[in-house]
Amino acid sequence: MRMTTDALVLRVTDTGESDRLVTLLTAEYGVIRAFANRAKKINSKMHGATQSLCYGEFSVYRSRDSYIIDDATVKEVFFGLREDIERLSLAQYFCALSAELVPEMEPARDILRVILNSLHLLETKRRSCNFLKAVTELKLLSFSGFMPDLICCPHCGEEPSGEIYFNIAEGCICCRNSGKGGIKINPTVLTAMRHICANPIERIYSFSLPADDEKLLMQVCEKFLLSQTKRTFKALDFYKSLI
């Protein structure tokens, strides 16, 4: 079985003296872990293409018990991210999140598009880290079966008209009477969350928030993600140690 697909390198692990084990986020086949023989060698045609955060076209075939990369063409390397440790660490967190959420051998074109768009905006510094972190987390959760219920309070059946709470564990908005244990949010943050979940990828970045609301949105999305995935991310911990 041979596959040719666009992919982003999420993680690279050196194996032996000259080989690499590469984790790819592919458009057609989800996350694939494949060996790239002799890729560590400077003169290898796959040396540059199998570095972390490289995006390109990869040819992969299935051997008896593993995937092997036998060709790769570089399209983008996001070199500018390597000049900013905070943005680079956030990019690495996005990669770790993708590796966790995306299954093997299932199409992941939309998730790949979100990650690539977020990496581009990170590299060009067109949006803040808080903004991109929140948008990326919430959209990836929505694509992965964890979309929150942001329509109305499930307990009273009405849209909250006064104080609004977001229940992290249940993934829903609640009114004041049933919002115990939730995070208090405001209409601006609720509108932003609805925008991210409901809109196509090309529109999810097309809004702005005051700095305080942006920070609240980031906190809510992070708590929701950690609650739903039920795990921690070393890349996230490292990113937070820098800010």
Protein backbone atom coordinates (compact mmCIF):
# COMPACT_ATOMS: atom_id res chain seq x y z
CA MET A 1 0.00 0.00 0.00
CA ARG A 2 1.44 3.36 -1.07
CA MET A 3 0.04 6.76 -0.11
CA THR A 4 0.87 10.24 -1.37
CA THR A 5 -0.54 13.01 0.78
CA ASP A 6 0.02 16.53 2.05
CA ALA A 7 1.20 16.43 5.64
CA LEU A 8 2.66 18.44 8.50
CA VAL A 9 5.47 17.01 10.60
CA LEU A 10 4.21 17.02 14.19
CA ARG A 11 7.07 15.25 15.94
CA VAL A 12 10.49 13.82 15.10
CA THR A 13 12.34 11.13 17.05
CA ASP A 14 15.85 10.06 16.11
CA THR A 15 16.30 6.31 15.80
CA GLY A 16 19.67 4.69 15.37
CA GLU A 17 22.57 6.63 13.87
CA SER A 18 20.85 8.11 10.85
CA ASP A 19 17.11 7.35 10.81
CA ARG A 20 14.06 9.24 12.05
CA LEU A 21 10.60 8.26 13.25
CA VAL A 22 8.29 11.01 12.00
CA THR A 23 4.74 11.72 13.18
CA LEU A 24 2.72 13.19 10.32
CA LEU A 25 -0.63 14.93 10.31
CA THR A 26 -2.00 14.04 6.89
CA ALA A 27 -5.01 15.30 4.98
CA GLU A 28 -6.37 11.90 3.92
CA TYR A 29 -5.07 9.46 6.53
CA GLY A 30 -5.02 11.28 9.86
CA VAL A 31 -1.94 10.80 12.03
CA ILE A 32 0.71 8.44 10.65
CA ARG A 33 3.98 7.45 12.31
CA ALA A 34 6.53 6.56 9.66
CA PHE A 35 10.26 5.86 9.48
CA ALA A 36 12.50 7.97 7.27
CA ASN A 37 15.69 6.02 6.61
CA ARG A 38 18.95 8.01 6.63
CA ALA A 39 16.97 11.25 7.04
CA LYS A 40 19.41 12.58 9.68
CA LYS A 41 22.19 12.74 7.10
CA ILE A 42 22.75 16.26 5.77
CA ASN A 43 22.92 15.04 2.18
CA SER A 44 19.66 13.06 2.42
CA LYS A 45 16.87 14.30 0.20
CA MET A 46 14.53 13.94 3.18
CA HIS A 47 16.69 15.74 5.75
CA GLY A 48 14.85 19.05 5.51
CA ALA A 49 11.40 17.62 4.85
CA THR A 50 11.40 15.48 8.00
CA GLN A 51 12.07 18.28 10.48
CA SER A 52 9.43 19.41 12.97
CA LEU A 53 6.83 21.86 11.59
CA CYS A 54 7.74 21.14 7.99
CA TYR A 55 4.73 20.96 5.66
CA GLY A 56 4.99 19.15 2.36
CA GLU A 57 3.94 16.29 0.13
CA PHE A 58 4.97 12.88 1.41
CA SER A 59 5.07 9.48 -0.27
CA VAL A 60 4.56 6.73 2.31
CA TYR A 61 4.28 2.97 1.89
CA ARG A 62 3.34 0.23 4.31
CA SER A 63 5.94 -2.46 4.98
CA ARG A 64 5.20 -5.60 6.95
CA ASP A 65 4.96 -3.85 10.32
CA SER A 66 5.55 -0.11 9.80
CA TYR A 67 5.15 2.87 7.50
CA ILE A 68 8.15 4.11 5.52
CA ILE A 69 8.64 7.55 3.94
CA ASP A 70 10.42 7.14 0.62
CA ASP A 71 9.99 10.64 -0.81
CA ALA A 72 9.04 14.12 0.39
CA THR A 73 8.75 17.58 -1.18
CA VAL A 74 8.86 20.65 1.06
CA LYS A 75 6.13 23.29 0.69
CA GLU A 76 6.55 25.35 3.88
CA VAL A 77 8.93 25.26 6.85
CA PHE A 78 7.55 28.07 9.08
CA PHE A 79 11.12 29.19 9.64
CA GLY A 80 10.02 32.45 11.30
CA LEU A 81 8.60 30.56 14.28
CA ARG A 82 12.11 29.51 15.26
CA GLU A 83 12.96 33.14 15.96
CA ASP A 84 10.36 33.48 18.74
CA ILE A 85 10.48 30.89 21.53
CA GLU A 86 6.99 31.72 22.83
CA ARG A 87 5.34 31.31 19.44
CA LEU A 88 7.45 28.26 18.63
CA SER A 89 6.39 26.58 21.87
CA LEU A 90 2.73 27.35 21.14
CA ALA A 91 3.15 25.84 17.66
CA GLN A 92 4.61 22.70 19.24
CA TYR A 93 1.60 22.53 21.55
CA PHE A 94 -0.72 22.67 18.54
CA CYS A 95 1.21 19.74 17.09
CA ALA A 96 0.96 17.75 20.32
CA LEU A 97 -2.76 18.45 20.46
CA SER A 98 -3.23 17.24 16.90
CA ALA A 99 -1.33 14.05 17.63
CA GLU A 100 -3.67 13.39 20.55
CA LEU A 101 -7.00 14.22 18.89
CA VAL A 102 -6.59 12.84 15.37
CA PRO A 103 -6.97 9.06 14.86
CA GLU A 104 -4.92 7.03 12.41
CA MET A 105 -6.29 6.31 8.94
CA GLU A 106 -9.22 8.73 9.14
CA PRO A 107 -9.37 11.91 7.02
CA ALA A 108 -8.18 15.01 8.86
CA ARG A 109 -8.15 17.65 6.14
CA ASP A 110 -10.08 20.22 8.20
CA ILE A 111 -7.86 19.81 11.26
CA LEU A 112 -4.76 20.10 9.08
CA ARG A 113 -6.15 23.33 7.59
CA VAL A 114 -6.78 24.79 11.04
CA ILE A 115 -3.26 23.96 12.21
CA LEU A 116 -1.65 25.37 9.07
CA ASN A 117 -3.69 28.58 9.26
CA SER A 118 -2.85 29.02 12.94
CA LEU A 119 0.86 28.40 12.30
CA HIS A 120 0.83 30.99 9.52
CA LEU A 121 -0.80 33.59 11.76
CA LEU A 122 1.62 32.72 14.56
CA GLU A 123 4.61 33.13 12.27
CA THR A 124 3.45 36.43 10.81
CA LYS A 125 2.33 37.73 14.24
CA ARG A 126 -0.95 38.91 12.79
CA ARG A 127 -2.89 37.66 15.83
CA SER A 128 -1.98 37.29 19.50
CA CYS A 129 -0.94 34.00 21.06
CA ASN A 130 -3.96 34.07 23.39
CA PHE A 131 -6.32 34.51 20.45
CA LEU A 132 -4.79 31.77 18.32
CA LYS A 133 -4.55 29.35 21.21
CA ALA A 134 -8.25 29.71 22.04
CA VAL A 135 -9.46 29.52 18.44
CA THR A 136 -7.30 26.49 17.64
CA GLU A 137 -8.25 24.57 20.78
CA LEU A 138 -11.98 25.12 20.43
CA LYS A 139 -12.14 24.42 16.69
CA LEU A 140 -10.09 21.25 17.01
CA LEU A 141 -12.34 20.06 19.84
CA SER A 142 -15.40 20.79 17.70
CA PHE A 143 -14.00 18.74 14.81
CA SER A 144 -13.11 15.91 17.18
CA GLY A 145 -16.58 15.34 18.64
CA PHE A 146 -16.34 17.67 21.63
CA MET A 147 -18.34 20.64 20.35
CA PRO A 148 -19.89 22.45 23.32
CA ASP A 149 -23.61 23.25 23.58
CA LEU A 150 -23.74 27.03 23.37
CA ILE A 151 -27.41 27.47 22.47
CA CYS A 152 -29.26 27.45 25.77
CA CYS A 153 -29.12 26.25 29.36
CA PRO A 154 -29.92 22.50 29.35
CA HIS A 155 -31.53 22.76 32.78
CA CYS A 156 -34.11 25.48 32.11
CA GLY A 157 -34.17 25.35 28.29
CA GLU A 158 -33.65 29.10 27.95
CA GLU A 159 -30.79 31.22 26.69
CA PRO A 160 -29.21 32.90 29.75
CA SER A 161 -30.35 36.50 29.94
CA GLY A 162 -28.41 37.59 33.00
CA GLU A 163 -25.22 36.03 34.29
CA ILE A 164 -23.77 33.36 31.99
CA TYR A 165 -21.72 30.38 33.09
CA PHE A 166 -19.86 27.77 31.08
CA ASN A 167 -19.91 24.29 32.59
CA ILE A 168 -16.48 22.83 31.80
CA ALA A 169 -17.33 19.21 32.58
CA GLU A 170 -20.64 19.14 30.68
CA GLY A 171 -19.55 21.48 27.89
CA CYS A 172 -22.58 23.75 27.98
CA ILE A 173 -23.71 27.23 28.94
CA CYS A 174 -25.84 27.63 32.06
CA CYS A 175 -27.92 30.35 33.64
CA ARG A 176 -27.23 31.75 37.08
CA ASN A 177 -29.51 29.29 38.86
CA SER A 178 -27.78 26.22 37.44
CA GLY A 179 -24.29 27.54 36.85
CA LYS A 180 -22.66 26.45 40.10
CA GLY A 181 -19.20 25.09 39.43
CA GLY A 182 -19.00 26.74 36.02
CA ILE A 183 -16.84 29.61 34.81
CA LYS A 184 -18.58 32.96 34.58
CA ILE A 185 -18.33 34.40 31.08
CA ASN A 186 -19.86 37.43 29.39
CA PRO A 187 -21.91 37.84 26.20
CA THR A 188 -18.82 38.89 24.22
CA VAL A 189 -16.95 35.69 25.05
CA LEU A 190 -20.06 33.58 24.41
CA THR A 191 -20.46 35.21 20.98
CA ALA A 192 -16.80 34.46 20.21
CA MET A 193 -17.19 30.81 21.17
CA ARG A 194 -20.28 30.50 18.99
CA HIS A 195 -18.43 32.13 16.11
CA ILE A 196 -15.53 29.68 16.35
CA CYS A 197 -17.75 26.60 16.53
CA ALA A 198 -20.29 27.56 13.90
CA ASN A 199 -18.23 29.10 11.12
CA PRO A 200 -16.14 27.51 8.36
CA ILE A 201 -12.38 27.56 8.79
CA GLU A 202 -11.80 30.60 6.58
CA ARG A 203 -13.94 32.72 8.95
CA ILE A 204 -12.99 31.52 12.43
CA TYR A 205 -10.20 34.10 12.77
CA SER A 206 -12.32 37.03 11.56
CA PHE A 207 -13.19 38.68 14.86
CA SER A 208 -11.41 40.56 17.60
CA LEU A 209 -11.82 40.98 21.34
CA PRO A 210 -10.62 43.38 24.01
CA ALA A 211 -7.53 42.03 25.78
CA ASP A 212 -9.40 41.01 28.94
CA ASP A 213 -12.07 39.12 27.00
CA GLU A 214 -9.40 37.49 24.84
CA LYS A 215 -7.67 36.24 27.99
CA LEU A 216 -10.95 34.93 29.43
CA LEU A 217 -11.74 33.13 26.16
CA MET A 218 -8.30 31.53 26.24
CA GLN A 219 -8.75 30.36 29.84
CA VAL A 220 -12.20 28.88 29.16
CA CYS A 221 -11.07 27.01 26.03
CA GLU A 222 -8.01 25.60 27.76
CA LYS A 223 -9.96 24.36 30.78
CA PHE A 224 -12.60 22.84 28.51
CA LEU A 225 -9.97 21.06 26.43
CA LEU A 226 -8.15 19.61 29.44
CA SER A 227 -11.45 18.46 30.92
CA GLN A 228 -12.61 16.75 27.74
CA THR A 229 -9.30 15.10 26.80
CA LYS A 230 -8.61 14.10 30.41
CA ARG A 231 -4.89 14.49 30.03
CA THR A 232 -2.07 16.98 30.37
CA PHE A 233 0.32 18.22 27.69
CA LYS A 234 4.00 18.82 28.41
CA ALA A 235 4.12 21.22 25.47
CA LEU A 236 1.32 23.28 27.04
CA ASP A 237 3.09 23.31 30.41
CA PHE A 238 6.28 24.53 28.74
CA TYR A 239 4.42 27.23 26.82
CA LYS A 240 2.76 28.48 30.00
CA SER A 241 6.12 28.60 31.77
CA LEU A 242 7.22 31.22 29.21
CA ILE A 243 4.31 33.65 29.57
